[in-house]
Amino acid sequence: MSGRGGRGSHSGKPIGTTKRTVDVEDGFKTPKRQKKDIEEPSASESSPNARKDAAAADRDHRRQQALAELVAVTLEDAQADAELNEDAEERCVESADDLEVFLRALLDPGFFKPPPSPIDISAVIAVLRLSHKFEVQRLFRRALSHLDSMFPVHLEAFQDRLDAAEEDKPLNLALTVIRAASEVGATWILPTAYYSIARKNAEYPSDLLLPDEDQLRLTAQIHALRATVSSYEFMRFIPSPPCVQPTRCAETISEGHEELEARRRIKDDMDPLVSWAFDHTYGELCQDCRLVGEEGYKGAQDSFWDTLPGILRLPDWTKLKQTRRKMMLYDTVDDGTT
């Protein structure tokens, strides 16, 4: 089968790699204006600083034009490749969709706003990958900021995300985040992204996982199960003097023990970091027993959170936060707010 320029069937090269010459730095050459169209600049416009600023703005504008042309050409090639090769059609169309999202983010200021403005996570991933590829730092950092808000590096912020979630994200969506973050080096996203997979029970479909990903998921699940067990160790100390309702507190703990035994069989999803689990299960404890339980439960959560990166063979949280500050251009010392 012949196609454009005699390319025939798909050659196997990456989508959108047809060689086109586009000067991204200089952009398109501006047509020469007639002398009569040129007006004398004002005194302020002719100052060195004004001319320098105007030249910089013009370069940025022309570079954006050229980049938009480059993306449009790549999009055209991706669509043409899909038409030439039916086997690659689905893959090419998805790539074309990503390119369209990126082009819109590049040219439409109202489309890809920074958080907390809502945006579909698939659009975030598309912009993240392509802004990294085309070196558009403004969009790259904005995409990172969206992922950062979804997968934070502080336990309390992550618990807020878990509490507010109306329903679990599909496994393939979490995998897309993991692969995109790994691709661009955003390693601080990975602990909580993997946790979102590990909290699924063992019967949850895993056929989309690559071998290494499946191994990490199983490892994280084992540790999540252990952390769930550890978070309930406070039960051994309740009723705790001076308990004012030892019978009722003992019954509440017994009910919680039955739930723990069920979790040991991994029938339910593992979620040792969720903040509302204590109130949900042990809300009828007296004040003194409740205080003992809350402190024990929170201590177990903090311990699991601190070890989560190491479970996944990642650097510790301190180093991950350093990577985060560097990639997102944070210059301040991490005080828990960045």
Protein backbone atom coordinates (compact mmCIF):
# COMPACT_ATOMS: atom_id res chain seq x y z
CA MET A 1 0.00 0.00 0.00
CA SER A 2 1.41 3.37 -0.94
CA GLY A 3 0.82 6.60 0.95
CA ARG A 4 2.11 10.07 1.27
CA GLY A 5 5.43 10.49 -0.49
CA GLY A 6 5.54 6.74 -1.15
CA ARG A 7 5.92 5.90 2.53
CA GLY A 8 3.93 2.71 2.20
CA SER A 9 3.05 0.89 5.39
CA HIS A 10 4.06 2.25 8.75
CA SER A 11 7.83 2.14 9.09
CA GLY A 12 7.88 1.55 12.83
CA LYS A 13 9.35 4.94 13.71
CA PRO A 14 7.83 6.92 16.59
CA ILE A 15 4.66 8.80 15.79
CA GLY A 16 5.08 12.32 14.52
CA THR A 17 8.77 12.14 13.75
CA THR A 18 8.56 13.15 10.08
CA LYS A 19 11.36 15.65 9.61
CA ARG A 20 10.09 19.20 9.24
CA THR A 21 12.19 22.33 9.47
CA VAL A 22 10.67 24.83 11.88
CA ASP A 23 12.83 27.45 13.54
CA VAL A 24 11.52 27.31 17.08
CA GLU A 25 13.90 29.92 18.42
CA ASP A 26 13.34 32.56 15.76
CA GLY A 27 9.81 31.62 14.71
CA PHE A 28 8.35 32.96 11.51
CA LYS A 29 10.03 35.85 9.75
CA THR A 30 7.97 39.02 9.87
CA PRO A 31 7.30 40.55 6.43
CA LYS A 32 9.08 43.81 5.79
CA ARG A 33 6.85 46.83 6.20
CA GLN A 34 6.80 49.71 3.80
CA LYS A 35 8.52 52.84 4.96
CA LYS A 36 5.29 54.80 5.02
CA ASP A 37 3.82 52.34 7.55
CA ILE A 38 6.57 52.93 10.09
CA GLU A 39 5.80 55.50 12.76
CA GLU A 40 8.40 57.29 14.80
CA PRO A 41 8.65 55.70 18.26
CA SER A 42 7.98 57.79 21.33
CA ALA A 43 10.79 58.68 23.70
CA SER A 44 9.77 55.94 26.13
CA GLU A 45 9.55 53.34 23.36
CA SER A 46 13.02 54.22 22.10
CA SER A 47 14.71 53.72 25.46
CA PRO A 48 17.12 50.77 25.68
CA ASN A 49 15.01 48.95 28.30
CA ALA A 50 11.78 49.39 26.35
CA ARG A 51 13.39 48.12 23.16
CA LYS A 52 14.87 45.16 25.04
CA ASP A 53 11.51 44.24 26.59
CA ALA A 54 9.73 44.58 23.27
CA ALA A 55 12.32 42.40 21.55
CA ALA A 56 12.00 39.73 24.24
CA ALA A 57 8.21 39.76 23.98
CA ASP A 58 8.44 39.49 20.21
CA ARG A 59 10.81 36.51 20.46
CA ASP A 60 8.49 34.76 22.89
CA HIS A 61 5.52 35.37 20.61
CA ARG A 62 7.34 34.08 17.52
CA ARG A 63 8.70 31.08 19.40
CA GLN A 64 5.19 30.16 20.55
CA GLN A 65 3.93 30.49 16.99
CA ALA A 66 6.69 28.23 15.73
CA LEU A 67 6.11 25.67 18.48
CA ALA A 68 2.40 25.62 17.69
CA GLU A 69 3.27 24.97 14.04
CA LEU A 70 5.61 22.15 15.06
CA VAL A 71 2.94 20.52 17.22
CA ALA A 72 0.36 20.92 14.45
CA VAL A 73 2.73 19.22 11.98
CA THR A 74 3.33 16.38 14.45
CA LEU A 75 -0.42 16.03 14.93
CA GLU A 76 -0.93 15.84 11.17
CA ASP A 77 1.71 13.12 10.87
CA ALA A 78 0.18 11.11 13.73
CA GLN A 79 -3.23 11.17 12.08
CA ALA A 80 -1.75 10.22 8.72
CA ASP A 81 0.20 7.33 10.28
CA ALA A 82 -3.04 6.05 11.82
CA GLU A 83 -4.68 6.03 8.40
CA LEU A 84 -1.74 4.18 6.84
CA ASN A 85 -1.49 1.46 9.45
CA GLU A 86 -4.68 0.00 10.88
CA ASP A 87 -2.75 -2.01 13.50
CA ALA A 88 -1.38 1.20 14.99
CA GLU A 89 -4.59 3.18 14.57
CA GLU A 90 -5.68 3.16 18.19
CA ARG A 91 -2.24 4.09 19.47
CA CYS A 92 -1.87 6.89 16.91
CA VAL A 93 -5.30 8.34 17.57
CA GLU A 94 -4.56 8.49 21.29
CA SER A 95 -1.31 10.28 20.54
CA ALA A 96 -3.14 12.70 18.27
CA ASP A 97 -5.62 13.41 21.06
CA ASP A 98 -2.75 14.20 23.43
CA LEU A 99 -1.21 16.53 20.87
CA GLU A 100 -4.51 18.35 20.45
CA VAL A 101 -4.78 18.81 24.22
CA PHE A 102 -1.22 20.14 24.35
CA LEU A 103 -1.81 22.51 21.45
CA ARG A 104 -4.92 23.86 23.15
CA ALA A 105 -3.03 24.33 26.43
CA LEU A 106 -0.33 26.17 24.52
CA LEU A 107 -2.64 28.58 22.71
CA ASP A 108 -5.71 28.92 24.94
CA PRO A 109 -4.88 30.58 28.31
CA GLY A 110 -8.27 29.64 29.73
CA PHE A 111 -7.99 25.90 29.06
CA PHE A 112 -5.15 24.70 31.29
CA LYS A 113 -5.28 26.85 34.41
CA PRO A 114 -3.23 26.08 37.53
CA PRO A 115 -4.81 24.27 40.49
CA PRO A 116 -7.25 24.42 42.15
CA SER A 117 -8.95 24.90 38.78
CA PRO A 118 -10.35 21.47 37.83
CA ILE A 119 -8.92 19.62 34.84
CA ASP A 120 -9.25 16.05 33.64
CA ILE A 121 -6.26 13.99 34.73
CA SER A 122 -5.79 12.59 31.23
CA ALA A 123 -5.27 16.17 30.02
CA VAL A 124 -2.74 16.74 32.80
CA ILE A 125 -0.76 13.67 31.71
CA ALA A 126 -0.85 14.72 28.05
CA VAL A 127 0.42 18.21 28.84
CA LEU A 128 3.03 16.84 31.26
CA ARG A 129 4.59 14.50 28.72
CA LEU A 130 4.50 16.81 25.72
CA SER A 131 5.59 19.95 27.56
CA HIS A 132 8.54 17.91 28.81
CA LYS A 133 9.28 16.72 25.28
CA PHE A 134 9.00 20.18 23.70
CA GLU A 135 10.61 21.91 26.72
CA VAL A 136 7.73 24.26 27.51
CA GLN A 137 8.61 24.90 31.15
CA ARG A 138 5.55 27.01 31.95
CA LEU A 139 3.14 24.23 31.02
CA PHE A 140 5.42 21.53 32.44
CA ARG A 141 5.44 23.11 35.90
CA ARG A 142 1.69 23.70 35.73
CA ALA A 143 1.08 20.03 34.91
CA LEU A 144 3.37 19.06 37.78
CA SER A 145 1.43 21.33 40.13
CA HIS A 146 -1.80 19.54 39.21
CA LEU A 147 -0.27 16.12 39.91
CA ASP A 148 1.31 17.48 43.07
CA SER A 149 -2.09 18.54 44.38
CA MET A 150 -3.51 15.08 43.64
CA PHE A 151 -0.57 13.13 45.10
CA PRO A 152 0.89 15.34 47.87
CA VAL A 153 4.08 14.79 49.85
CA HIS A 154 2.54 15.49 53.26
CA LEU A 155 0.43 12.94 55.11
CA GLU A 156 -2.30 15.33 56.26
CA ALA A 157 -2.79 16.67 52.73
CA PHE A 158 -2.95 13.15 51.34
CA GLN A 159 -5.48 12.12 53.98
CA ASP A 160 -7.63 15.08 52.96
CA ARG A 161 -7.53 13.75 49.40
CA LEU A 162 -8.53 10.27 50.59
CA ASP A 163 -11.35 11.63 52.73
CA ALA A 164 -12.71 13.80 49.92
CA ALA A 165 -12.57 11.09 47.25
CA GLU A 166 -16.07 10.09 46.20
CA GLU A 167 -14.86 6.94 44.50
CA ASP A 168 -11.60 5.18 43.76
CA LYS A 169 -9.77 6.01 40.58
CA PRO A 170 -9.50 3.17 38.04
CA LEU A 171 -6.30 1.16 38.20
CA ASN A 172 -5.26 2.10 34.66
CA LEU A 173 -5.50 5.80 35.56
CA ALA A 174 -3.15 5.38 38.52
CA LEU A 175 -0.77 3.42 36.30
CA THR A 176 -0.79 6.23 33.74
CA VAL A 177 0.21 8.67 36.48
CA ILE A 178 2.98 6.37 37.70
CA ARG A 179 4.44 5.88 34.23
CA ALA A 180 4.24 9.56 33.29
CA ALA A 181 5.80 10.69 36.58
CA SER A 182 8.60 8.15 36.17
CA GLU A 183 9.16 9.26 32.58
CA VAL A 184 9.72 12.92 33.50
CA GLY A 185 11.53 12.26 36.79
CA ALA A 186 8.74 13.45 39.14
CA THR A 187 9.59 10.75 41.67
CA TRP A 188 7.85 12.41 44.63
CA ILE A 189 4.51 11.57 42.98
CA LEU A 190 5.19 7.83 43.08
CA PRO A 191 4.69 6.87 46.77
CA THR A 192 1.07 8.03 46.96
CA ALA A 193 0.34 6.93 43.39
CA TYR A 194 1.52 3.41 44.21
CA TYR A 195 -0.40 3.55 47.49
CA SER A 196 -3.59 4.17 45.52
CA ILE A 197 -2.93 0.84 43.79
CA ALA A 198 -1.74 -1.04 46.88
CA ARG A 199 -4.90 -0.18 48.81
CA LYS A 200 -6.89 -2.29 46.33
CA ASN A 201 -7.54 -5.81 47.50
CA ALA A 202 -5.74 -8.82 46.06
CA GLU A 203 -8.66 -9.73 43.81
CA TYR A 204 -8.51 -6.38 41.98
CA PRO A 205 -7.52 -6.88 38.30
CA SER A 206 -3.77 -6.53 37.73
CA ASP A 207 -3.42 -7.61 34.10
CA LEU A 208 -2.47 -4.04 33.14
CA LEU A 209 0.59 -4.13 35.38
CA LEU A 210 4.06 -4.73 34.02
CA PRO A 211 6.12 -7.31 35.97
CA ASP A 212 8.08 -4.70 37.95
CA GLU A 213 4.92 -2.72 38.68
CA ASP A 214 3.09 -5.84 39.84
CA GLN A 215 5.99 -6.74 42.12
CA LEU A 216 6.00 -3.26 43.67
CA ARG A 217 2.25 -3.37 44.08
CA LEU A 218 2.40 -6.72 45.90
CA THR A 219 5.26 -5.49 48.09
CA ALA A 220 3.31 -2.36 48.98
CA GLN A 221 0.20 -4.44 49.70
CA ILE A 222 2.10 -6.64 52.13
CA HIS A 223 3.39 -3.60 53.99
CA ALA A 224 -0.03 -1.94 53.88
CA LEU A 225 -1.52 -5.06 55.46
CA ARG A 226 1.16 -5.05 58.16
CA ALA A 227 0.54 -1.33 58.74
CA THR A 228 -3.18 -1.98 59.07
CA VAL A 229 -2.47 -4.61 61.71
CA SER A 230 0.00 -2.30 63.49
CA SER A 231 -2.50 0.54 63.53
CA TYR A 232 -4.82 -1.63 65.63
CA GLU A 233 -2.25 -2.61 68.26
CA PHE A 234 -3.70 0.04 70.56
CA MET A 235 -6.58 -2.39 71.20
CA ARG A 236 -4.34 -4.30 73.59
CA PHE A 237 -4.33 -1.28 75.94
CA ILE A 238 -8.09 -0.70 76.04
CA PRO A 239 -9.98 -0.45 78.35
CA SER A 240 -7.40 1.98 79.70
CA PRO A 241 -7.64 3.32 83.28
CA PRO A 242 -9.42 5.47 84.27
CA CYS A 243 -12.01 4.10 81.82
CA VAL A 244 -15.55 5.03 82.90
CA GLN A 245 -17.34 2.40 80.78
CA PRO A 246 -15.04 -0.64 80.63
CA THR A 247 -17.78 -3.00 79.47
CA ARG A 248 -18.84 -0.86 76.53
CA CYS A 249 -15.24 -0.02 75.57
CA ALA A 250 -14.34 -3.72 75.67
CA GLU A 251 -17.29 -4.52 73.38
CA THR A 252 -16.23 -1.78 70.95
CA ILE A 253 -12.70 -3.14 70.85
CA SER A 254 -14.00 -6.68 70.30
CA GLU A 255 -16.01 -5.50 67.31
CA GLY A 256 -12.92 -3.80 65.92
CA HIS A 257 -10.92 -6.99 66.43
CA GLU A 258 -13.38 -8.91 64.26
CA GLU A 259 -12.94 -6.31 61.53
CA LEU A 260 -9.16 -6.64 61.80
CA GLU A 261 -9.36 -10.40 61.39
CA ALA A 262 -11.36 -9.89 58.21
CA ARG A 263 -8.68 -7.54 56.91
CA ARG A 264 -5.99 -10.11 57.56
CA ARG A 265 -7.65 -12.24 54.88
CA ILE A 266 -7.41 -9.24 52.54
CA LYS A 267 -11.11 -9.41 51.79
CA ASP A 268 -11.37 -5.64 52.08
CA ASP A 269 -9.22 -2.92 50.61
CA MET A 270 -6.13 -2.00 52.61
CA ASP A 271 -6.23 1.64 53.72
CA PRO A 272 -3.97 2.17 56.75
CA LEU A 273 -3.58 5.91 56.06
CA VAL A 274 -7.22 6.93 55.86
CA SER A 275 -7.94 9.42 58.66
CA TRP A 276 -11.61 8.67 59.33
CA ALA A 277 -11.19 4.93 59.97
CA PHE A 278 -10.77 5.39 63.74
CA ASP A 279 -13.96 7.41 64.21
CA HIS A 280 -15.84 5.04 61.96
CA THR A 281 -14.94 1.93 63.97
CA TYR A 282 -14.29 3.14 67.52
CA GLY A 283 -16.56 6.14 67.98
CA GLU A 284 -18.22 4.69 71.10
CA LEU A 285 -15.08 4.56 73.25
CA CYS A 286 -14.93 6.72 76.36
CA GLN A 287 -12.77 9.84 76.29
CA ASP A 288 -9.74 8.28 78.00
CA CYS A 289 -9.76 5.12 75.89
CA ARG A 290 -10.36 7.20 72.79
CA LEU A 291 -7.26 9.32 73.51
CA VAL A 292 -5.10 6.20 73.93
CA GLY A 293 -6.51 4.75 70.73
CA GLU A 294 -6.11 7.91 68.66
CA GLU A 295 -2.48 8.36 69.71
CA GLY A 296 -1.66 4.75 68.91
CA TYR A 297 -3.50 4.86 65.59
CA LYS A 298 -1.83 8.13 64.52
CA GLY A 299 1.61 6.86 65.53
CA ALA A 300 1.19 3.76 63.36
CA GLN A 301 0.09 5.91 60.42
CA ASP A 302 3.09 8.23 60.77
CA SER A 303 5.44 5.26 60.89
CA PHE A 304 3.99 3.70 57.74
CA TRP A 305 4.06 7.05 55.90
CA ASP A 306 7.74 7.56 56.76
CA THR A 307 8.67 4.13 55.40
CA LEU A 308 6.45 4.22 52.28
CA PRO A 309 9.13 5.51 49.84
CA GLY A 310 11.62 2.89 51.00
CA ILE A 311 9.04 0.14 50.52
CA LEU A 312 8.89 1.21 46.86
CA ARG A 313 12.70 1.40 46.53
CA LEU A 314 12.60 5.19 46.32
CA PRO A 315 14.68 7.81 48.18
CA ASP A 316 13.30 9.00 51.51
CA TRP A 317 10.79 11.84 51.78
CA THR A 318 13.51 14.45 52.39
CA LYS A 319 15.23 13.68 49.09
CA LEU A 320 11.93 13.37 47.23
CA LYS A 321 10.94 16.83 48.49
CA GLN A 322 14.28 18.20 47.31
CA THR A 323 13.56 16.84 43.83
CA ARG A 324 10.11 18.39 44.01
CA ARG A 325 11.46 21.83 44.92
CA LYS A 326 14.04 21.68 42.15
CA MET A 327 11.63 20.63 39.40
CA MET A 328 8.88 23.03 40.47
CA LEU A 329 11.37 25.85 41.09
CA TYR A 330 10.68 26.20 44.81
CA ASP A 331 13.53 28.15 46.37
CA THR A 332 12.28 28.15 49.96
CA VAL A 333 13.13 25.64 52.66
CA ASP A 334 10.44 22.99 53.02
CA ASP A 335 8.49 23.94 56.14
CA GLY A 336 5.49 21.75 55.49
CA THR A 337 3.75 24.22 53.20
CA THR A 338 5.54 23.33 49.93
